[in-house]
C-alpha atoms as a PDB file:
ATOM      1  CA  MET A   1       0.000   0.000   0.000  1.00  0.00           C
ATOM      2  CA  SER A   2       1.296   3.451  -0.923  1.00  0.00           C
ATOM      3  CA  GLN A   3       2.051   5.966   1.795  1.00  0.00           C
ATOM      4  CA  ARG A   4      -1.049   7.879   2.818  1.00  0.00           C
ATOM      5  CA  ILE A   5      -1.799  11.043   4.761  1.00  0.00           C
ATOM      6  CA  LEU A   6      -5.063  12.528   6.014  1.00  0.00           C
ATOM      7  CA  PRO A   7      -4.790  16.223   5.107  1.00  0.00           C
ATOM      8  CA  ALA A   8      -5.436  18.847   7.727  1.00  0.00           C
ATOM      9  CA  GLU A   9      -8.729  20.663   7.290  1.00  0.00           C
ATOM     10  CA  TRP A  10      -6.872  23.906   6.497  1.00  0.00           C
ATOM     11  CA  ALA A  11      -5.278  22.359   3.396  1.00  0.00           C
ATOM     12  CA  PRO A  12      -6.550  23.790   0.071  1.00  0.00           C
ATOM     13  CA  GLN A  13     -10.010  22.470  -0.754  1.00  0.00           C
ATOM     14  CA  SER A  14     -12.027  21.830  -3.882  1.00  0.00           C
ATOM     15  CA  GLY A  15     -15.357  21.905  -2.063  1.00  0.00           C
ATOM     16  CA  VAL A  16     -17.677  20.912   0.763  1.00  0.00           C
ATOM     17  CA  MET A  17     -20.424  18.302   0.946  1.00  0.00           C
ATOM     18  CA  LEU A  18     -23.883  18.855   2.438  1.00  0.00           C
ATOM     19  CA  THR A  19     -26.636  16.245   2.710  1.00  0.00           C
ATOM     20  CA  TRP A  20     -29.792  18.331   2.564  1.00  0.00           C
ATOM     21  CA  PRO A  21     -32.511  17.641   5.174  1.00  0.00           C
ATOM     22  CA  HIS A  22     -35.910  16.462   3.991  1.00  0.00           C
ATOM     23  CA  ALA A  23     -39.337  15.496   5.298  1.00  0.00           C
ATOM     24  CA  ALA A  24     -38.524  11.773   5.590  1.00  0.00           C
ATOM     25  CA  THR A  25     -35.880  12.442   8.244  1.00  0.00           C
ATOM     26  CA  ASP A  26     -35.935  13.475  11.901  1.00  0.00           C
ATOM     27  CA  TRP A  27     -35.737  17.047  10.617  1.00  0.00           C
ATOM     28  CA  ALA A  28     -39.387  16.903   9.487  1.00  0.00           C
ATOM     29  CA  PRO A  29     -40.905  18.903  12.389  1.00  0.00           C
ATOM     30  CA  ARG A  30     -38.072  21.466  12.209  1.00  0.00           C
ATOM     31  CA  LEU A  31     -37.445  21.622   8.490  1.00  0.00           C
ATOM     32  CA  ALA A  32     -38.564  25.258   8.273  1.00  0.00           C
ATOM     33  CA  GLU A  33     -35.950  26.151  10.917  1.00  0.00           C
ATOM     34  CA  ALA A  34     -33.170  23.918   9.623  1.00  0.00           C
ATOM     35  CA  GLU A  35     -33.172  24.758   5.921  1.00  0.00           C
ATOM     36  CA  PRO A  36     -32.222  28.437   6.421  1.00  0.00           C
ATOM     37  CA  VAL A  37     -29.133  27.248   8.328  1.00  0.00           C
ATOM     38  CA  PHE A  38     -28.164  24.970   5.445  1.00  0.00           C
ATOM     39  CA  LEU A  39     -28.719  27.873   3.039  1.00  0.00           C
ATOM     40  CA  ASP A  40     -26.478  30.113   5.166  1.00  0.00           C
ATOM     41  CA  ILE A  41     -23.764  27.453   5.124  1.00  0.00           C
ATOM     42  CA  ALA A  42     -24.141  26.931   1.364  1.00  0.00           C
ATOM     43  CA  ARG A  43     -23.987  30.664   0.667  1.00  0.00           C
ATOM     44  CA  ALA A  44     -20.875  31.102   2.815  1.00  0.00           C
ATOM     45  CA  VAL A  45     -19.051  28.112   1.326  1.00  0.00           C
ATOM     46  CA  ALA A  46     -19.906  29.084  -2.256  1.00  0.00           C
ATOM     47  CA  ARG A  47     -18.064  32.384  -1.834  1.00  0.00           C
ATOM     48  CA  HIS A  48     -14.864  30.367  -1.504  1.00  0.00           C
ATOM     49  CA  GLU A  49     -15.270  26.964  -3.183  1.00  0.00           C
ATOM     50  CA  SER A  50     -17.677  24.426  -4.672  1.00  0.00           C
ATOM     51  CA  LEU A  51     -20.544  22.581  -3.013  1.00  0.00           C
ATOM     52  CA  LEU A  52     -21.596  18.976  -3.453  1.00  0.00           C
ATOM     53  CA  ILE A  53     -25.184  18.672  -2.240  1.00  0.00           C
ATOM     54  CA  VAL A  54     -26.860  15.306  -1.719  1.00  0.00           C
ATOM     55  CA  CYS A  55     -30.623  15.396  -2.308  1.00  0.00           C
ATOM     56  CA  ALA A  56     -33.021  12.597  -1.404  1.00  0.00           C
ATOM     57  CA  ASP A  57     -34.434  12.155  -4.930  1.00  0.00           C
ATOM     58  CA  ASP A  58     -34.914  14.088  -8.140  1.00  0.00           C
ATOM     59  CA  ALA A  59     -37.967  16.002  -6.878  1.00  0.00           C
ATOM     60  CA  HIS A  60     -36.047  17.027  -3.772  1.00  0.00           C
ATOM     61  CA  ARG A  61     -33.085  18.034  -5.941  1.00  0.00           C
ATOM     62  CA  ARG A  62     -35.271  20.378  -7.995  1.00  0.00           C
ATOM     63  CA  ARG A  63     -36.701  21.909  -4.822  1.00  0.00           C
ATOM     64  CA  VAL A  64     -33.256  22.429  -3.267  1.00  0.00           C
ATOM     65  CA  GLN A  65     -32.000  23.896  -6.536  1.00  0.00           C
ATOM     66  CA  GLY A  66     -34.799  26.459  -6.352  1.00  0.00           C
ATOM     67  CA  LEU A  67     -33.992  27.336  -2.744  1.00  0.00           C
ATOM     68  CA  LEU A  68     -30.337  27.859  -3.610  1.00  0.00           C
ATOM     69  CA  ALA A  69     -31.221  30.042  -6.610  1.00  0.00           C
ATOM     70  CA  ASP A  70     -33.553  32.145  -4.461  1.00  0.00           C
ATOM     71  CA  ALA A  71     -30.690  32.535  -1.956  1.00  0.00           C
ATOM     72  CA  SER A  72     -28.374  33.741  -4.776  1.00  0.00           C
ATOM     73  CA  VAL A  73     -25.946  30.835  -4.395  1.00  0.00           C
ATOM     74  CA  PRO A  74     -24.031  30.791  -7.716  1.00  0.00           C
ATOM     75  CA  ALA A  75     -25.096  27.822  -9.832  1.00  0.00           C
ATOM     76  CA  GLU A  76     -21.595  27.350 -11.241  1.00  0.00           C
ATOM     77  CA  ARG A  77     -20.375  26.396  -7.754  1.00  0.00           C
ATOM     78  CA  LEU A  78     -23.064  23.733  -7.241  1.00  0.00           C
ATOM     79  CA  HIS A  79     -23.077  19.988  -7.845  1.00  0.00           C
ATOM     80  CA  LEU A  80     -26.447  18.462  -6.841  1.00  0.00           C
ATOM     81  CA  ILE A  81     -26.766  14.672  -6.887  1.00  0.00           C
ATOM     82  CA  SER A  82     -29.728  12.505  -5.889  1.00  0.00           C
ATOM     83  CA  ALA A  83     -29.125   9.735  -3.341  1.00  0.00           C
ATOM     84  CA  PRO A  84     -31.493   8.530  -0.598  1.00  0.00           C
ATOM     85  CA  SER A  85     -30.558   9.465   2.978  1.00  0.00           C
ATOM     86  CA  ASN A  86     -31.645   8.798   6.543  1.00  0.00           C
ATOM     87  CA  ASP A  87     -30.238  12.059   7.911  1.00  0.00           C
ATOM     88  CA  SER A  88     -27.962  15.017   7.198  1.00  0.00           C
ATOM     89  CA  TRP A  89     -24.712  14.421   9.118  1.00  0.00           C
ATOM     90  CA  ALA A  90     -22.311  14.465   6.175  1.00  0.00           C
ATOM     91  CA  ARG A  91     -19.272  14.583   8.464  1.00  0.00           C
ATOM     92  CA  ASP A  92     -20.008  11.023   9.504  1.00  0.00           C
ATOM     93  CA  HIS A  93     -21.508   9.358   6.436  1.00  0.00           C
ATOM     94  CA  GLY A  94     -19.484  11.197   3.795  1.00  0.00           C
ATOM     95  CA  PRO A  95     -16.252   9.791   2.374  1.00  0.00           C
ATOM     96  CA  ILE A  96     -12.933  10.607   4.026  1.00  0.00           C
ATOM     97  CA  THR A  97     -10.255  11.785   1.604  1.00  0.00           C
ATOM     98  CA  VAL A  98      -6.632  10.778   2.029  1.00  0.00           C
ATOM     99  CA  LEU A  99      -3.694  11.592  -0.195  1.00  0.00           C
ATOM    100  CA  ALA A 100      -1.952   8.507  -1.543  1.00  0.00           C
ATOM    101  CA  GLU A 101       1.257   9.435  -3.319  1.00  0.00           C
ATOM    102  CA  ASP A 102      -0.114  13.013  -3.340  1.00  0.00           C
ATOM    103  CA  ARG A 103      -3.263  11.957  -5.207  1.00  0.00           C
ATOM    104  CA  PRO A 104      -6.719  12.047  -3.562  1.00  0.00           C
ATOM    105  CA  LEU A 105      -8.329   8.745  -2.627  1.00  0.00           C
ATOM    106  CA  LEU A 106     -11.834   8.595  -1.148  1.00  0.00           C
ATOM    107  CA  LEU A 107     -12.376   6.074   1.636  1.00  0.00           C
ATOM    108  CA  ASP A 108     -15.897   4.799   2.230  1.00  0.00           C
ATOM    109  CA  PHE A 109     -15.950   3.586   5.832  1.00  0.00           C
ATOM    110  CA  VAL A 110     -18.928   1.823   7.385  1.00  0.00           C
ATOM    111  CA  PHE A 111     -21.412   4.168   9.063  1.00  0.00           C
ATOM    112  CA  ASN A 112     -23.634   2.404  11.600  1.00  0.00           C
ATOM    113  CA  GLY A 113     -25.567   5.315  13.077  1.00  0.00           C
ATOM    114  CA  TRP A 114     -23.100   6.068  15.897  1.00  0.00           C
ATOM    115  CA  GLY A 115     -23.124   2.565  17.279  1.00  0.00           C
ATOM    116  CA  ASN A 116     -26.551   1.467  15.972  1.00  0.00           C
ATOM    117  CA  LYS A 117     -28.395   4.265  17.771  1.00  0.00           C
ATOM    118  CA  TYR A 118     -30.305   5.314  14.638  1.00  0.00           C
ATOM    119  CA  PRO A 119     -31.244   3.858  11.237  1.00  0.00           C
ATOM    120  CA  ALA A 120     -28.297   4.370   8.893  1.00  0.00           C
ATOM    121  CA  GLU A 121     -28.600   1.964   5.959  1.00  0.00           C
ATOM    122  CA  LEU A 122     -29.319   4.706   3.425  1.00  0.00           C
ATOM    123  CA  ASP A 123     -26.618   7.006   4.805  1.00  0.00           C
ATOM    124  CA  ASN A 124     -24.129   4.160   4.667  1.00  0.00           C
ATOM    125  CA  GLY A 125     -24.755   3.919   0.913  1.00  0.00           C
ATOM    126  CA  ILE A 126     -24.314   7.613   0.089  1.00  0.00           C
ATOM    127  CA  SER A 127     -20.578   7.526  -0.624  1.00  0.00           C
ATOM    128  CA  ARG A 128     -20.955   4.602  -3.017  1.00  0.00           C
ATOM    129  CA  ALA A 129     -23.858   6.357  -4.748  1.00  0.00           C
ATOM    130  CA  LEU A 130     -21.802   9.526  -5.189  1.00  0.00           C
ATOM    131  CA  CYS A 131     -18.878   7.587  -6.595  1.00  0.00           C
ATOM    132  CA  ALA A 132     -21.160   5.753  -9.025  1.00  0.00           C
ATOM    133  CA  ALA A 133     -22.667   9.088 -10.137  1.00  0.00           C
ATOM    134  CA  GLY A 134     -19.225  10.463 -10.986  1.00  0.00           C
ATOM    135  CA  ALA A 135     -19.268  13.141  -8.284  1.00  0.00           C
ATOM    136  CA  PHE A 136     -15.548  12.930  -7.601  1.00  0.00           C
ATOM    137  CA  ALA A 137     -13.939  13.599 -10.964  1.00  0.00           C
ATOM    138  CA  ASP A 138     -10.978  11.238 -11.333  1.00  0.00           C
ATOM    139  CA  ALA A 139     -10.493  10.494  -7.615  1.00  0.00           C
ATOM    140  CA  PRO A 140     -10.926   6.747  -6.985  1.00  0.00           C
ATOM    141  CA  CYS A 141     -13.106   5.369  -4.187  1.00  0.00           C
ATOM    142  CA  GLU A 142     -12.228   2.503  -1.850  1.00  0.00           C
ATOM    143  CA  SER A 143     -14.672   0.717   0.495  1.00  0.00           C
ATOM    144  CA  VAL A 144     -13.294  -0.076   3.953  1.00  0.00           C
ATOM    145  CA  ASP A 145     -14.697  -2.693   6.319  1.00  0.00           C
ATOM    146  CA  LEU A 146     -14.243  -0.547   9.419  1.00  0.00           C
ATOM    147  CA  VAL A 147     -16.755   1.617  11.285  1.00  0.00           C
ATOM    148  CA  LEU A 148     -15.450   5.178  11.381  1.00  0.00           C
ATOM    149  CA  GLU A 149     -16.945   8.673  11.418  1.00  0.00           C
ATOM    150  CA  GLY A 150     -15.229  11.826  10.257  1.00  0.00           C
ATOM    151  CA  GLY A 151     -16.253  13.688  13.411  1.00  0.00           C
ATOM    152  CA  ALA A 152     -14.026  11.340  15.411  1.00  0.00           C
ATOM    153  CA  LEU A 153     -10.828  12.428  13.617  1.00  0.00           C
ATOM    154  CA  GLU A 154      -8.625  15.501  13.987  1.00  0.00           C
ATOM    155  CA  SER A 155      -5.522  15.461  11.783  1.00  0.00           C
ATOM    156  CA  ASP A 156      -2.598  17.875  11.863  1.00  0.00           C
ATOM    157  CA  GLY A 157      -1.876  16.949   8.248  1.00  0.00           C
ATOM    158  CA  ALA A 158       1.494  15.456   9.194  1.00  0.00           C
ATOM    159  CA  GLY A 159       0.566  12.097  10.694  1.00  0.00           C
ATOM    160  CA  THR A 160      -0.857  13.024  14.120  1.00  0.00           C
ATOM    161  CA  LEU A 161      -4.379  11.975  15.145  1.00  0.00           C
ATOM    162  CA  LEU A 162      -6.222  13.693  17.984  1.00  0.00           C
ATOM    163  CA  THR A 163      -9.248  11.662  19.078  1.00  0.00           C
ATOM    164  CA  THR A 164     -11.281  10.324  22.000  1.00  0.00           C
ATOM    165  CA  GLU A 165     -11.273   6.918  23.639  1.00  0.00           C
ATOM    166  CA  SER A 166     -15.012   7.141  24.309  1.00  0.00           C
ATOM    167  CA  CYS A 167     -15.815   7.096  20.592  1.00  0.00           C
ATOM    168  CA  LEU A 168     -13.106   5.203  18.729  1.00  0.00           C
ATOM    169  CA  LEU A 169     -12.748   2.487  21.368  1.00  0.00           C
ATOM    170  CA  ASN A 170     -16.490   2.144  21.935  1.00  0.00           C
ATOM    171  CA  PRO A 171     -17.513  -1.510  21.506  1.00  0.00           C
ATOM    172  CA  SER A 172     -20.516  -0.401  19.432  1.00  0.00           C
ATOM    173  CA  ARG A 173     -18.107   0.551  16.620  1.00  0.00           C
ATOM    174  CA  ASN A 174     -15.400  -2.076  16.100  1.00  0.00           C
ATOM    175  CA  PRO A 175     -15.625  -4.594  18.962  1.00  0.00           C
ATOM    176  CA  ARG A 176     -12.876  -6.805  17.521  1.00  0.00           C
ATOM    177  CA  HIS A 177     -10.321  -4.010  17.731  1.00  0.00           C
ATOM    178  CA  ASP A 178      -8.465  -2.906  20.834  1.00  0.00           C
ATOM    179  CA  ARG A 179      -6.432   0.304  20.917  1.00  0.00           C
ATOM    180  CA  HIS A 180      -3.297  -1.348  19.515  1.00  0.00           C
ATOM    181  CA  SER A 181      -5.003  -3.035  16.559  1.00  0.00           C
ATOM    182  CA  LEU A 182      -7.105   0.039  15.790  1.00  0.00           C
ATOM    183  CA  GLU A 183      -4.016   2.246  15.730  1.00  0.00           C
ATOM    184  CA  ALA A 184      -2.392  -0.203  13.335  1.00  0.00           C
ATOM    185  CA  ARG A 185      -5.431  -0.099  11.048  1.00  0.00           C
ATOM    186  CA  LEU A 186      -5.658   3.699  11.127  1.00  0.00           C
ATOM    187  CA  SER A 187      -1.944   3.938  10.402  1.00  0.00           C
ATOM    188  CA  GLU A 188      -2.394   1.745   7.357  1.00  0.00           C
ATOM    189  CA  LEU A 189      -5.516   3.479   6.046  1.00  0.00           C
ATOM    190  CA  LEU A 190      -4.968   7.117   7.020  1.00  0.00           C
ATOM    191  CA  GLY A 191      -1.218   7.388   7.496  1.00  0.00           C
ATOM    192  CA  PHE A 192      -1.132   8.229  11.199  1.00  0.00           C
ATOM    193  CA  ASP A 193       2.063   7.565  13.118  1.00  0.00           C
ATOM    194  CA  ARG A 194       1.216   9.528  16.312  1.00  0.00           C
ATOM    195  CA  PHE A 195      -1.945   9.147  18.405  1.00  0.00           C
ATOM    196  CA  LEU A 196      -3.195  11.630  20.990  1.00  0.00           C
ATOM    197  CA  TRP A 197      -6.011   9.971  22.934  1.00  0.00           C
ATOM    198  CA  LEU A 198      -8.309  11.992  25.187  1.00  0.00           C
ATOM    199  CA  SER A 199      -9.906   9.968  27.975  1.00  0.00           C
ATOM    200  CA  HIS A 200     -11.966  12.858  29.397  1.00  0.00           C
ATOM    201  CA  GLY A 201     -14.457  15.331  27.994  1.00  0.00           C
ATOM    202  CA  ALA A 202     -18.033  14.928  26.753  1.00  0.00           C
ATOM    203  CA  LEU A 203     -21.008  17.185  26.085  1.00  0.00           C
ATOM    204  CA  ALA A 204     -24.513  16.530  27.358  1.00  0.00           C
ATOM    205  CA  GLY A 205     -26.820  15.794  24.430  1.00  0.00           C
ATOM    206  CA  ASP A 206     -24.005  14.510  22.220  1.00  0.00           C
ATOM    207  CA  ASP A 207     -25.072  11.108  20.905  1.00  0.00           C
ATOM    208  CA  THR A 208     -21.800  10.357  19.094  1.00  0.00           C
ATOM    209  CA  ASP A 209     -20.024   9.029  22.213  1.00  0.00           C
ATOM    210  CA  GLY A 210     -17.734  12.041  22.306  1.00  0.00           C
ATOM    211  CA  HIS A 211     -16.673  13.109  18.829  1.00  0.00           C
ATOM    212  CA  ILE A 212     -13.460  15.085  18.974  1.00  0.00           C
ATOM    213  CA  ASP A 213     -14.917  17.826  16.744  1.00  0.00           C
ATOM    214  CA  THR A 214     -17.205  18.869  19.588  1.00  0.00           C
ATOM    215  CA  LEU A 215     -14.297  19.171  22.045  1.00  0.00           C
ATOM    216  CA  ALA A 216     -10.864  20.027  20.618  1.00  0.00           C
ATOM    217  CA  ARG A 217      -9.600  21.005  17.159  1.00  0.00           C
ATOM    218  CA  PHE A 218      -6.263  21.445  15.439  1.00  0.00           C
ATOM    219  CA  CYS A 219      -5.937  24.995  14.075  1.00  0.00           C
ATOM    220  CA  ASP A 220      -2.389  24.494  12.804  1.00  0.00           C
ATOM    221  CA  PRO A 221       0.219  21.808  13.551  1.00  0.00           C
ATOM    222  CA  VAL A 222       1.044  23.313  16.959  1.00  0.00           C
ATOM    223  CA  THR A 223      -2.263  24.929  18.011  1.00  0.00           C
ATOM    224  CA  ILE A 224      -5.351  23.262  19.514  1.00  0.00           C
ATOM    225  CA  ALA A 225      -8.592  25.130  20.286  1.00  0.00           C
ATOM    226  CA  TYR A 226     -10.708  23.408  22.922  1.00  0.00           C
ATOM    227  CA  VAL A 227     -13.900  23.917  24.901  1.00  0.00           C
ATOM    228  CA  LYS A 228     -13.403  25.166  28.444  1.00  0.00           C
ATOM    229  CA  CYS A 229     -16.148  25.323  31.054  1.00  0.00           C
ATOM    230  CA  ASP A 230     -15.470  28.088  33.559  1.00  0.00           C
ATOM    231  CA  ASP A 231     -18.626  27.496  35.631  1.00  0.00           C
ATOM    232  CA  PRO A 232     -17.854  25.237  38.625  1.00  0.00           C
ATOM    233  CA  GLY A 233     -21.570  24.628  39.040  1.00  0.00           C
ATOM    234  CA  ASP A 234     -21.976  23.215  35.541  1.00  0.00           C
ATOM    235  CA  PRO A 235     -21.960  19.386  35.315  1.00  0.00           C
ATOM    236  CA  HIS A 236     -19.398  19.654  32.494  1.00  0.00           C
ATOM    237  CA  HIS A 237     -16.821  21.474  34.589  1.00  0.00           C
ATOM    238  CA  ASP A 238     -14.808  18.621  36.065  1.00  0.00           C
ATOM    239  CA  GLY A 239     -14.688  16.471  32.939  1.00  0.00           C
ATOM    240  CA  LEU A 240     -13.581  19.350  30.724  1.00  0.00           C
ATOM    241  CA  ALA A 241     -10.998  20.448  33.296  1.00  0.00           C
ATOM    242  CA  ALA A 242      -9.571  16.910  33.189  1.00  0.00           C
ATOM    243  CA  MET A 243      -9.545  17.110  29.382  1.00  0.00           C
ATOM    244  CA  GLU A 244      -7.684  20.427  29.567  1.00  0.00           C
ATOM    245  CA  ALA A 245      -5.056  18.813  31.794  1.00  0.00           C
ATOM    246  CA  GLU A 246      -4.609  16.030  29.227  1.00  0.00           C
ATOM    247  CA  LEU A 247      -4.177  18.573  26.431  1.00  0.00           C
ATOM    248  CA  LYS A 248      -1.522  20.361  28.485  1.00  0.00           C
ATOM    249  CA  ASP A 249       0.393  17.084  28.794  1.00  0.00           C
ATOM    250  CA  PHE A 250       0.394  16.408  25.037  1.00  0.00           C
ATOM    251  CA  ARG A 251       3.481  17.234  22.996  1.00  0.00           C
ATOM    252  CA  ASP A 252       3.813  18.008  19.309  1.00  0.00           C
ATOM    253  CA  ARG A 253       6.036  16.110  16.925  1.00  0.00           C
ATOM    254  CA  HIS A 254       9.043  18.160  18.075  1.00  0.00           C
ATOM    255  CA  GLY A 255       8.452  17.502  21.759  1.00  0.00           C
ATOM    256  CA  ASN A 256       6.978  20.903  22.584  1.00  0.00           C
ATOM    257  CA  PRO A 257       3.690  21.640  24.380  1.00  0.00           C
ATOM    258  CA  TYR A 258       0.837  22.655  22.121  1.00  0.00           C
ATOM    259  CA  ARG A 259      -0.384  26.229  22.007  1.00  0.00           C
ATOM    260  CA  LEU A 260      -3.805  25.833  23.620  1.00  0.00           C
ATOM    261  CA  ILE A 261      -6.648  28.270  22.879  1.00  0.00           C
ATOM    262  CA  PRO A 262      -9.675  27.951  25.202  1.00  0.00           C
ATOM    263  CA  LEU A 263     -13.059  28.561  23.588  1.00  0.00           C
ATOM    264  CA  PRO A 264     -15.851  30.230  25.573  1.00  0.00           C
ATOM    265  CA  TRP A 265     -18.603  28.258  27.251  1.00  0.00           C
ATOM    266  CA  PRO A 266     -22.097  29.131  25.968  1.00  0.00           C
ATOM    267  CA  GLY A 267     -25.043  29.173  28.318  1.00  0.00           C
ATOM    268  CA  ALA A 268     -27.001  25.940  28.645  1.00  0.00           C
ATOM    269  CA  LYS A 269     -29.398  25.274  25.764  1.00  0.00           C
ATOM    270  CA  TYR A 270     -32.331  22.868  26.082  1.00  0.00           C
ATOM    271  CA  GLY A 271     -34.668  21.075  23.724  1.00  0.00           C
ATOM    272  CA  ALA A 272     -38.439  21.088  24.034  1.00  0.00           C
ATOM    273  CA  ASP A 273     -38.276  17.890  26.097  1.00  0.00           C
ATOM    274  CA  GLY A 274     -35.798  19.402  28.549  1.00  0.00           C
ATOM    275  CA  THR A 275     -32.748  17.592  27.105  1.00  0.00           C
ATOM    276  CA  ARG A 276     -29.579  19.672  27.295  1.00  0.00           C
ATOM    277  CA  LEU A 277     -28.231  20.320  23.806  1.00  0.00           C
ATOM    278  CA  PRO A 278     -24.559  20.088  22.718  1.00  0.00           C
ATOM    279  CA  ALA A 279     -23.816  23.744  21.986  1.00  0.00           C
ATOM    280  CA  THR A 280     -20.099  24.018  21.217  1.00  0.00           C
ATOM    281  CA  TYR A 281     -17.920  26.563  19.450  1.00  0.00           C
ATOM    282  CA  ALA A 282     -15.389  23.833  18.615  1.00  0.00           C
ATOM    283  CA  ASN A 283     -17.638  22.582  15.810  1.00  0.00           C
ATOM    284  CA  PHE A 284     -16.316  25.100  13.264  1.00  0.00           C
ATOM    285  CA  LEU A 285     -15.496  24.355   9.623  1.00  0.00           C
ATOM    286  CA  ILE A 286     -12.254  25.531   8.016  1.00  0.00           C
ATOM    287  CA  ILE A 287     -12.580  26.329   4.300  1.00  0.00           C
ATOM    288  CA  ASN A 288     -10.464  28.226   1.780  1.00  0.00           C
ATOM    289  CA  ASP A 289      -9.667  31.650   3.296  1.00  0.00           C
ATOM    290  CA  ALA A 290     -12.444  31.429   5.910  1.00  0.00           C
ATOM    291  CA  VAL A 291     -13.748  29.654   9.005  1.00  0.00           C
ATOM    292  CA  LEU A 292     -17.463  29.034   9.461  1.00  0.00           C
ATOM    293  CA  LEU A 293     -18.218  29.275  13.180  1.00  0.00           C
ATOM    294  CA  PRO A 294     -21.434  28.043  14.796  1.00  0.00           C
ATOM    295  CA  VAL A 295     -23.038  30.613  17.087  1.00  0.00           C
ATOM    296  CA  TYR A 296     -26.134  30.286  19.235  1.00  0.00           C
ATOM    297  CA  GLU A 297     -27.515  33.805  19.911  1.00  0.00           C
ATOM    298  CA  ASP A 298     -25.601  33.602  23.166  1.00  0.00           C
ATOM    299  CA  PRO A 299     -23.677  36.285  25.100  1.00  0.00           C
ATOM    300  CA  ALA A 300     -20.504  34.228  24.552  1.00  0.00           C
ATOM    301  CA  ASP A 301     -20.789  34.371  20.743  1.00  0.00           C
ATOM    302  CA  ASP A 302     -18.666  37.501  20.349  1.00  0.00           C
ATOM    303  CA  ALA A 303     -15.872  36.106  22.518  1.00  0.00           C
ATOM    304  CA  ALA A 304     -15.930  32.885  20.501  1.00  0.00           C
ATOM    305  CA  ILE A 305     -15.627  34.828  17.253  1.00  0.00           C
ATOM    306  CA  ALA A 306     -12.625  36.692  18.665  1.00  0.00           C
ATOM    307  CA  GLN A 307     -10.898  33.532  19.910  1.00  0.00           C
ATOM    308  CA  VAL A 308     -11.356  31.676  16.634  1.00  0.00           C
ATOM    309  CA  ALA A 309     -10.146  34.739  14.721  1.00  0.00           C
ATOM    310  CA  ALA A 310      -6.983  34.659  16.863  1.00  0.00           C
ATOM    311  CA  CYS A 311      -6.445  31.040  15.815  1.00  0.00           C
ATOM    312  CA  PHE A 312      -6.860  31.851  12.120  1.00  0.00           C
ATOM    313  CA  PRO A 313      -5.463  35.368  11.576  1.00  0.00           C
ATOM    314  CA  GLU A 314      -5.330  34.942   7.790  1.00  0.00           C
ATOM    315  CA  ARG A 315      -8.931  33.715   7.433  1.00  0.00           C
ATOM    316  CA  THR A 316     -12.274  35.472   7.720  1.00  0.00           C
ATOM    317  CA  VAL A 317     -14.502  34.150  10.504  1.00  0.00           C
ATOM    318  CA  ILE A 318     -18.109  33.800   9.310  1.00  0.00           C
ATOM    319  CA  PRO A 319     -20.617  33.215  12.125  1.00  0.00           C
ATOM    320  CA  ILE A 320     -23.558  30.946  11.298  1.00  0.00           C
ATOM    321  CA  HIS A 321     -26.541  30.739  13.664  1.00  0.00           C
ATOM    322  CA  CYS A 322     -26.810  27.027  14.427  1.00  0.00           C
ATOM    323  CA  THR A 323     -29.371  26.740  17.234  1.00  0.00           C
ATOM    324  CA  PRO A 324     -31.709  24.726  14.938  1.00  0.00           C
ATOM    325  CA  LEU A 325     -28.908  22.202  14.302  1.00  0.00           C
ATOM    326  CA  ILE A 326     -28.233  21.460  17.965  1.00  0.00           C
ATOM    327  CA  GLN A 327     -31.924  20.633  18.341  1.00  0.00           C
ATOM    328  CA  GLN A 328     -30.895  17.453  16.487  1.00  0.00           C
ATOM    329  CA  TYR A 329     -27.726  17.092  18.647  1.00  0.00           C
ATOM    330  CA  GLY A 330     -25.109  18.232  16.129  1.00  0.00           C
ATOM    331  CA  SER A 331     -23.756  21.508  14.781  1.00  0.00           C
ATOM    332  CA  LEU A 332     -22.022  23.079  11.783  1.00  0.00           C
ATOM    333  CA  HIS A 333     -18.997  20.829  11.357  1.00  0.00           C
ATOM    334  CA  CYS A 334     -21.219  17.780  11.775  1.00  0.00           C
ATOM    335  CA  VAL A 335     -23.345  18.605   8.700  1.00  0.00           C
ATOM    336  CA  THR A 336     -20.375  19.274   6.415  1.00  0.00           C
ATOM    337  CA  MET A 337     -17.491  17.323   4.895  1.00  0.00           C
ATOM    338  CA  GLN A 338     -14.644  19.063   3.081  1.00  0.00           C
ATOM    339  CA  PHE A 339     -12.772  17.694   0.086  1.00  0.00           C
ATOM    340  CA  PRO A 340      -9.140  18.553  -0.697  1.00  0.00           C
ATOM    341  CA  THR A 341      -8.068  19.995  -4.042  1.00  0.00           C
ATOM    342  CA  GLY A 342      -8.502  17.512  -6.866  1.00  0.00           C
ATOM    343  CA  VAL A 343     -11.685  15.793  -5.638  1.00  0.00           C
ATOM    344  CA  LEU A 344     -14.550  17.908  -7.004  1.00  0.00           C
ATOM    345  CA  LYS A 345     -14.757  19.440 -10.445  1.00  0.00           C
ATOM    346  CA  VAL A 346     -14.490  23.176  -9.875  1.00  0.00           C
END
């Protein structure tokens, strides 16, 4: 097998994937609230790169095309393809792109609904459907018999993986793999040679078993932004403080401590049933020349914008109101998947 590398998210991109919500999903009662968020994301991305949008069927594709036109999203940046879906979390059911000998290769991992919590058969077929429809130009696709979600991976683009034990080692994913064998498999498939495992940190309402993209993110090879709870009375406080201590103990490839940037803690958000929702500023998306940051109409939003801007001084921070997304227990990064240069026709 040729040498592989999972690019960092800040590497040059050809586009971003969205799987558009529809009435046959859990979004049905909130579709009128959710679609404007997807339109805001699409409009922001299209200023910088292309969009691959998965629609449930041809009728849905025509409807979404009309919404995008009404929102003045440039048609030349859009690639709409019909493929049935259970839900809209493209980060986890979309293909993961590695570079193999500097050429993009799309890996189609198994998606089992975050450990068989939700129906996922249609979502698990989306990557194959996109490949069959010619969505990825000349980039080949490879199916992998391993359960893995993109939200569980943070790559520095140079062989280091930042992730969580609670997700990747969860027996609902790959029960035949222990840490050693899983590291070996991820080294082979994604090119990792260093593993930074967090054993603490989780958000109430997160049903992914602790995806890293809700907790801590690489901003460059030596900088990690992470959620910090400064309220001792909040149930998250102790676990996130323990996570912070772990991050302080980590070293980069050269043996130096990481530059750690704490992200503000938004006020508690609750669903209609009283469930606390996973509002997190760590769930941002890095695109060409910009960062899309989820905000929640919260007093901490402005501080979050400032902190993320400090992490990415050469990129524009674009806030996107994502309260409707956390009603379904995910946020901005969760509904998107970026593709490096050479994957989408631009």
